[in-house]
Amino acid sequence: MNELPERRRVRDVELMRALAHPLRAALLDYLMAVGPRTASECAAAVGSSASNCSWHLRKLAELGLVEPSAAEDGRQRPWQARQVGLELGELGADPAMRAARLAAAGTMLDTEQELTQRYLDAVGDLEPQWRDSGGLNSYALTVTPAELNELVASIDTLLRPYVNKIRADVPEGARAVHVGLRAFLRIEADGGTSS
């Protein structure tokens, strides 16, 4: 298999702050999931107005996260994500970067929760093959930090060939699917950790 494109590693505060903006994060997530779309199509998907989405898409373009895509009919003005995914990286020592990263991570979690809730609200109306596929699983693991990093990297290796912008052999009937992964040290209600 050919080398897969890397996710964009976010290293500057301005870009991290843009990812913390709920609408900008939703627009970028949508374009990464489904490919090129117009501001009107984005608006319907994220629950905003076309003009508001258009403004925020231009701001995302200024940051290098999205770009105009070739229009099929010359009148449409679709946008597309420039990367196959984002990596927020470690917290680091800089307080401004740490605050921006935590805000971006919070927005990502909010988006993931919203997508999960939409799925749960609609699951009864889905075709049986989609209703019965996928999973909402939870695991309690006992690992070292190195093992956790290796596990996350292994899962990433399994998933990346299916990423929308990467996959070239999309079979008929394939649709955009959300997969979220959270892997972190368990913190108990008292603020401590368990061994």
C-alpha atoms as a PDB file:
ATOM      1  CA  MET A   1       0.000   0.000   0.000  1.00  0.00           C
ATOM      2  CA  ASN A   2       1.248   3.504  -0.786  1.00  0.00           C
ATOM      3  CA  GLU A   3       2.229   5.869   2.003  1.00  0.00           C
ATOM      4  CA  LEU A   4      -0.900   7.585   3.321  1.00  0.00           C
ATOM      5  CA  PRO A   5      -0.982  11.380   3.655  1.00  0.00           C
ATOM      6  CA  GLU A   6      -0.333  12.623   7.155  1.00  0.00           C
ATOM      7  CA  ARG A   7      -2.793  14.540   9.267  1.00  0.00           C
ATOM      8  CA  ARG A   8      -1.939  18.185   9.675  1.00  0.00           C
ATOM      9  CA  ARG A   9      -0.305  18.790  13.019  1.00  0.00           C
ATOM     10  CA  VAL A  10      -1.606  22.002  14.557  1.00  0.00           C
ATOM     11  CA  ARG A  11       1.236  23.953  16.137  1.00  0.00           C
ATOM     12  CA  ASP A  12       0.126  27.578  16.354  1.00  0.00           C
ATOM     13  CA  VAL A  13      -2.288  29.310  18.691  1.00  0.00           C
ATOM     14  CA  GLU A  14      -4.281  31.146  15.995  1.00  0.00           C
ATOM     15  CA  LEU A  15      -5.057  27.927  14.164  1.00  0.00           C
ATOM     16  CA  MET A  16      -5.915  26.150  17.416  1.00  0.00           C
ATOM     17  CA  ARG A  17      -8.296  28.981  18.340  1.00  0.00           C
ATOM     18  CA  ALA A  18     -10.010  28.663  14.963  1.00  0.00           C
ATOM     19  CA  LEU A  19     -10.564  24.971  15.702  1.00  0.00           C
ATOM     20  CA  ALA A  20     -12.153  25.913  19.015  1.00  0.00           C
ATOM     21  CA  HIS A  21     -14.851  27.934  17.208  1.00  0.00           C
ATOM     22  CA  PRO A  22     -17.882  25.598  17.064  1.00  0.00           C
ATOM     23  CA  LEU A  23     -19.104  26.602  13.590  1.00  0.00           C
ATOM     24  CA  ARG A  24     -15.640  26.596  12.032  1.00  0.00           C
ATOM     25  CA  ALA A  25     -14.909  23.215  13.579  1.00  0.00           C
ATOM     26  CA  ALA A  26     -18.252  21.855  12.324  1.00  0.00           C
ATOM     27  CA  LEU A  27     -17.608  23.159   8.800  1.00  0.00           C
ATOM     28  CA  LEU A  28     -14.131  21.667   8.657  1.00  0.00           C
ATOM     29  CA  ASP A  29     -15.334  18.358  10.093  1.00  0.00           C
ATOM     30  CA  TYR A  30     -18.167  18.222   7.554  1.00  0.00           C
ATOM     31  CA  LEU A  31     -15.915  18.953   4.582  1.00  0.00           C
ATOM     32  CA  MET A  32     -13.382  16.340   5.727  1.00  0.00           C
ATOM     33  CA  ALA A  33     -16.209  13.806   6.075  1.00  0.00           C
ATOM     34  CA  VAL A  34     -18.075  14.330   2.800  1.00  0.00           C
ATOM     35  CA  GLY A  35     -15.761  16.165   0.408  1.00  0.00           C
ATOM     36  CA  PRO A  36     -16.391  19.363  -1.555  1.00  0.00           C
ATOM     37  CA  ARG A  37     -19.629  21.215  -0.767  1.00  0.00           C
ATOM     38  CA  THR A  38     -21.052  24.681  -1.301  1.00  0.00           C
ATOM     39  CA  ALA A  39     -21.713  27.109   1.544  1.00  0.00           C
ATOM     40  CA  SER A  40     -25.448  26.374   1.141  1.00  0.00           C
ATOM     41  CA  GLU A  41     -24.871  22.630   1.466  1.00  0.00           C
ATOM     42  CA  CYS A  42     -22.636  23.247   4.474  1.00  0.00           C
ATOM     43  CA  ALA A  43     -25.300  25.457   6.048  1.00  0.00           C
ATOM     44  CA  ALA A  44     -27.929  22.715   5.796  1.00  0.00           C
ATOM     45  CA  ALA A  45     -25.543  20.190   7.343  1.00  0.00           C
ATOM     46  CA  VAL A  46     -24.315  22.303  10.249  1.00  0.00           C
ATOM     47  CA  GLY A  47     -27.493  24.265  11.000  1.00  0.00           C
ATOM     48  CA  SER A  48     -26.423  27.760  10.026  1.00  0.00           C
ATOM     49  CA  SER A  49     -27.076  30.245   7.221  1.00  0.00           C
ATOM     50  CA  ALA A  50     -25.283  30.094   3.881  1.00  0.00           C
ATOM     51  CA  SER A  51     -23.915  33.627   4.319  1.00  0.00           C
ATOM     52  CA  ASN A  52     -22.558  32.843   7.791  1.00  0.00           C
ATOM     53  CA  CYS A  53     -20.974  29.619   6.523  1.00  0.00           C
ATOM     54  CA  SER A  54     -19.488  31.440   3.544  1.00  0.00           C
ATOM     55  CA  TRP A  55     -17.852  34.002   5.849  1.00  0.00           C
ATOM     56  CA  HIS A  56     -16.406  31.315   8.150  1.00  0.00           C
ATOM     57  CA  LEU A  57     -15.231  29.217   5.179  1.00  0.00           C
ATOM     58  CA  ARG A  58     -13.271  32.230   3.932  1.00  0.00           C
ATOM     59  CA  LYS A  59     -11.703  32.573   7.391  1.00  0.00           C
ATOM     60  CA  LEU A  60     -10.792  28.868   7.371  1.00  0.00           C
ATOM     61  CA  ALA A  61      -9.257  29.387   3.918  1.00  0.00           C
ATOM     62  CA  GLU A  62      -7.114  32.242   5.246  1.00  0.00           C
ATOM     63  CA  LEU A  63      -5.729  29.750   7.788  1.00  0.00           C
ATOM     64  CA  GLY A  64      -5.037  27.163   5.097  1.00  0.00           C
ATOM     65  CA  LEU A  65      -7.642  24.658   6.340  1.00  0.00           C
ATOM     66  CA  VAL A  66     -10.039  24.791   3.372  1.00  0.00           C
ATOM     67  CA  GLU A  67      -9.820  25.916  -0.234  1.00  0.00           C
ATOM     68  CA  PRO A  68     -12.160  26.484  -3.164  1.00  0.00           C
ATOM     69  CA  SER A  69     -12.835  23.351  -5.181  1.00  0.00           C
ATOM     70  CA  ALA A  70     -13.494  23.075  -8.903  1.00  0.00           C
ATOM     71  CA  ALA A  71     -17.158  23.710  -9.669  1.00  0.00           C
ATOM     72  CA  GLU A  72     -18.996  21.251 -11.901  1.00  0.00           C
ATOM     73  CA  ASP A  73     -21.324  23.809 -13.455  1.00  0.00           C
ATOM     74  CA  GLY A  74     -19.373  27.054 -13.141  1.00  0.00           C
ATOM     75  CA  ARG A  75     -22.041  28.687 -10.944  1.00  0.00           C
ATOM     76  CA  GLN A  76     -21.537  26.651  -7.795  1.00  0.00           C
ATOM     77  CA  ARG A  77     -18.674  27.601  -5.503  1.00  0.00           C
ATOM     78  CA  PRO A  78     -17.761  24.499  -3.515  1.00  0.00           C
ATOM     79  CA  TRP A  79     -15.176  24.354  -0.760  1.00  0.00           C
ATOM     80  CA  GLN A  80     -12.994  21.409   0.269  1.00  0.00           C
ATOM     81  CA  ALA A  81     -10.787  20.549   3.220  1.00  0.00           C
ATOM     82  CA  ARG A  82      -7.070  20.789   2.474  1.00  0.00           C
ATOM     83  CA  GLN A  83      -6.013  17.983   4.802  1.00  0.00           C
ATOM     84  CA  VAL A  84      -7.095  14.458   5.644  1.00  0.00           C
ATOM     85  CA  GLY A  85      -7.265  15.104   9.369  1.00  0.00           C
ATOM     86  CA  LEU A  86      -5.855  17.144  12.205  1.00  0.00           C
ATOM     87  CA  GLU A  87      -3.608  16.283  15.111  1.00  0.00           C
ATOM     88  CA  LEU A  88      -3.744  18.656  18.059  1.00  0.00           C
ATOM     89  CA  GLY A  89      -0.503  17.398  19.613  1.00  0.00           C
ATOM     90  CA  GLU A  90       0.562  17.589  23.206  1.00  0.00           C
ATOM     91  CA  LEU A  91      -0.395  20.340  25.650  1.00  0.00           C
ATOM     92  CA  GLY A  92       3.095  21.847  25.913  1.00  0.00           C
ATOM     93  CA  ALA A  93       4.374  24.469  28.311  1.00  0.00           C
ATOM     94  CA  ASP A  94       3.037  27.643  26.642  1.00  0.00           C
ATOM     95  CA  PRO A  95      -0.100  28.732  28.572  1.00  0.00           C
ATOM     96  CA  ALA A  96      -1.740  30.338  25.503  1.00  0.00           C
ATOM     97  CA  MET A  97      -1.209  27.201  23.408  1.00  0.00           C
ATOM     98  CA  ARG A  98      -2.427  24.981  26.236  1.00  0.00           C
ATOM     99  CA  ALA A  99      -5.618  27.028  26.654  1.00  0.00           C
ATOM    100  CA  ALA A 100      -6.262  27.053  22.892  1.00  0.00           C
ATOM    101  CA  ARG A 101      -5.625  23.308  22.608  1.00  0.00           C
ATOM    102  CA  LEU A 102      -7.974  22.531  25.490  1.00  0.00           C
ATOM    103  CA  ALA A 103     -10.643  24.760  23.919  1.00  0.00           C
ATOM    104  CA  ALA A 104     -10.206  23.005  20.530  1.00  0.00           C
ATOM    105  CA  ALA A 105     -10.376  19.583  22.206  1.00  0.00           C
ATOM    106  CA  GLY A 106     -13.546  20.645  24.022  1.00  0.00           C
ATOM    107  CA  THR A 107     -15.123  21.723  20.741  1.00  0.00           C
ATOM    108  CA  MET A 108     -14.140  18.395  19.151  1.00  0.00           C
ATOM    109  CA  LEU A 109     -15.768  16.518  22.020  1.00  0.00           C
ATOM    110  CA  ASP A 110     -18.912  18.657  21.744  1.00  0.00           C
ATOM    111  CA  THR A 111     -19.084  17.875  18.016  1.00  0.00           C
ATOM    112  CA  GLU A 112     -18.614  14.184  18.673  1.00  0.00           C
ATOM    113  CA  GLN A 113     -21.363  14.229  21.309  1.00  0.00           C
ATOM    114  CA  GLU A 114     -23.705  16.072  18.930  1.00  0.00           C
ATOM    115  CA  LEU A 115     -23.046  13.586  16.102  1.00  0.00           C
ATOM    116  CA  THR A 116     -23.636  10.672  18.495  1.00  0.00           C
ATOM    117  CA  GLN A 117     -26.905  12.163  19.719  1.00  0.00           C
ATOM    118  CA  ARG A 118     -28.112  12.810  16.163  1.00  0.00           C
ATOM    119  CA  TYR A 119     -27.382   9.180  15.331  1.00  0.00           C
ATOM    120  CA  LEU A 120     -29.254   7.941  18.407  1.00  0.00           C
ATOM    121  CA  ASP A 121     -32.214  10.190  17.589  1.00  0.00           C
ATOM    122  CA  ALA A 122     -32.377   8.897  13.991  1.00  0.00           C
ATOM    123  CA  VAL A 123     -31.337   5.253  14.413  1.00  0.00           C
ATOM    124  CA  GLY A 124     -34.912   3.956  14.330  1.00  0.00           C
ATOM    125  CA  ASP A 125     -35.459   5.488  10.885  1.00  0.00           C
ATOM    126  CA  LEU A 126     -32.272   4.146   9.274  1.00  0.00           C
ATOM    127  CA  GLU A 127     -32.148   1.289   6.782  1.00  0.00           C
ATOM    128  CA  PRO A 128     -31.568  -1.998   8.641  1.00  0.00           C
ATOM    129  CA  GLN A 129     -28.047  -2.487   7.269  1.00  0.00           C
ATOM    130  CA  TRP A 130     -26.989   0.923   8.631  1.00  0.00           C
ATOM    131  CA  ARG A 131     -28.965   0.588  11.850  1.00  0.00           C
ATOM    132  CA  ASP A 132     -27.269  -2.740  12.600  1.00  0.00           C
ATOM    133  CA  SER A 133     -23.720  -1.743  11.622  1.00  0.00           C
ATOM    134  CA  GLY A 134     -21.109   0.107  13.618  1.00  0.00           C
ATOM    135  CA  GLY A 135     -20.868   0.175  17.361  1.00  0.00           C
ATOM    136  CA  LEU A 136     -20.820   2.242  20.496  1.00  0.00           C
ATOM    137  CA  ASN A 137     -18.226   0.443  22.590  1.00  0.00           C
ATOM    138  CA  SER A 138     -16.385   1.272  25.769  1.00  0.00           C
ATOM    139  CA  TYR A 139     -13.314  -0.465  27.159  1.00  0.00           C
ATOM    140  CA  ALA A 140     -11.419  -0.212  30.439  1.00  0.00           C
ATOM    141  CA  LEU A 141      -7.795  -1.055  29.603  1.00  0.00           C
ATOM    142  CA  THR A 142      -4.713  -1.472  31.759  1.00  0.00           C
ATOM    143  CA  VAL A 143      -1.693  -0.266  29.792  1.00  0.00           C
ATOM    144  CA  THR A 144       1.537   1.674  30.036  1.00  0.00           C
ATOM    145  CA  PRO A 145       1.886   5.076  28.335  1.00  0.00           C
ATOM    146  CA  ALA A 146       3.987   3.435  25.587  1.00  0.00           C
ATOM    147  CA  GLU A 147       1.368   0.721  25.039  1.00  0.00           C
ATOM    148  CA  LEU A 148      -1.390   3.318  24.842  1.00  0.00           C
ATOM    149  CA  ASN A 149       0.546   5.285  22.207  1.00  0.00           C
ATOM    150  CA  GLU A 150       1.134   2.069  20.247  1.00  0.00           C
ATOM    151  CA  LEU A 151      -2.539   1.095  20.485  1.00  0.00           C
ATOM    152  CA  VAL A 152      -3.733   4.492  19.230  1.00  0.00           C
ATOM    153  CA  ALA A 153      -1.199   4.371  16.369  1.00  0.00           C
ATOM    154  CA  SER A 154      -2.371   0.853  15.421  1.00  0.00           C
ATOM    155  CA  ILE A 155      -6.012   1.952  15.328  1.00  0.00           C
ATOM    156  CA  ASP A 156      -5.011   4.961  13.225  1.00  0.00           C
ATOM    157  CA  THR A 157      -3.247   2.628  10.779  1.00  0.00           C
ATOM    158  CA  LEU A 158      -6.424   0.543  10.452  1.00  0.00           C
ATOM    159  CA  LEU A 159      -8.702   3.563   9.894  1.00  0.00           C
ATOM    160  CA  ARG A 160      -6.668   5.867   7.629  1.00  0.00           C
ATOM    161  CA  PRO A 161      -7.167   3.942   4.362  1.00  0.00           C
ATOM    162  CA  TYR A 162     -10.916   4.627   4.709  1.00  0.00           C
ATOM    163  CA  VAL A 163     -10.595   8.408   5.206  1.00  0.00           C
ATOM    164  CA  ASN A 164     -12.724  10.253   2.640  1.00  0.00           C
ATOM    165  CA  LYS A 165      -9.897  12.225   1.008  1.00  0.00           C
ATOM    166  CA  ILE A 166      -7.622   9.164   0.899  1.00  0.00           C
ATOM    167  CA  ARG A 167      -9.915   6.382  -0.271  1.00  0.00           C
ATOM    168  CA  ALA A 168      -9.968   5.960  -4.051  1.00  0.00           C
ATOM    169  CA  ASP A 169     -11.875   2.658  -4.314  1.00  0.00           C
ATOM    170  CA  VAL A 170     -15.158   3.753  -2.724  1.00  0.00           C
ATOM    171  CA  PRO A 171     -17.734   0.983  -3.264  1.00  0.00           C
ATOM    172  CA  GLU A 172     -21.312   1.718  -4.196  1.00  0.00           C
ATOM    173  CA  GLY A 173     -23.464   2.235  -1.128  1.00  0.00           C
ATOM    174  CA  ALA A 174     -20.646   3.709   0.975  1.00  0.00           C
ATOM    175  CA  ARG A 175     -21.576   6.725   3.096  1.00  0.00           C
ATOM    176  CA  ALA A 176     -19.799   9.111   5.426  1.00  0.00           C
ATOM    177  CA  VAL A 177     -19.319   7.519   8.847  1.00  0.00           C
ATOM    178  CA  HIS A 178     -18.051   9.125  12.049  1.00  0.00           C
ATOM    179  CA  VAL A 179     -15.447   7.269  14.089  1.00  0.00           C
ATOM    180  CA  GLY A 180     -14.205   8.883  17.269  1.00  0.00           C
ATOM    181  CA  LEU A 181     -11.461   7.589  19.523  1.00  0.00           C
ATOM    182  CA  ARG A 182     -10.745   8.772  23.029  1.00  0.00           C
ATOM    183  CA  ALA A 183      -7.835   7.197  24.857  1.00  0.00           C
ATOM    184  CA  PHE A 184      -6.565   8.783  28.059  1.00  0.00           C
ATOM    185  CA  LEU A 185      -5.615   8.111  31.651  1.00  0.00           C
ATOM    186  CA  ARG A 186      -8.721   7.539  33.757  1.00  0.00           C
ATOM    187  CA  ILE A 187      -9.192  10.247  36.396  1.00  0.00           C
ATOM    188  CA  GLU A 188     -11.537   9.355  39.257  1.00  0.00           C
ATOM    189  CA  ALA A 189     -14.051  11.675  40.928  1.00  0.00           C
ATOM    190  CA  ASP A 190     -11.548  12.428  43.726  1.00  0.00           C
ATOM    191  CA  GLY A 191      -8.998  13.635  41.140  1.00  0.00           C
ATOM    192  CA  GLY A 192      -6.776  10.600  41.569  1.00  0.00           C
ATOM    193  CA  THR A 193      -5.906   7.772  39.226  1.00  0.00           C
ATOM    194  CA  SER A 194      -6.412   4.035  39.642  1.00  0.00           C
ATOM    195  CA  SER A 195      -3.655   1.492  39.257  1.00  0.00           C
END
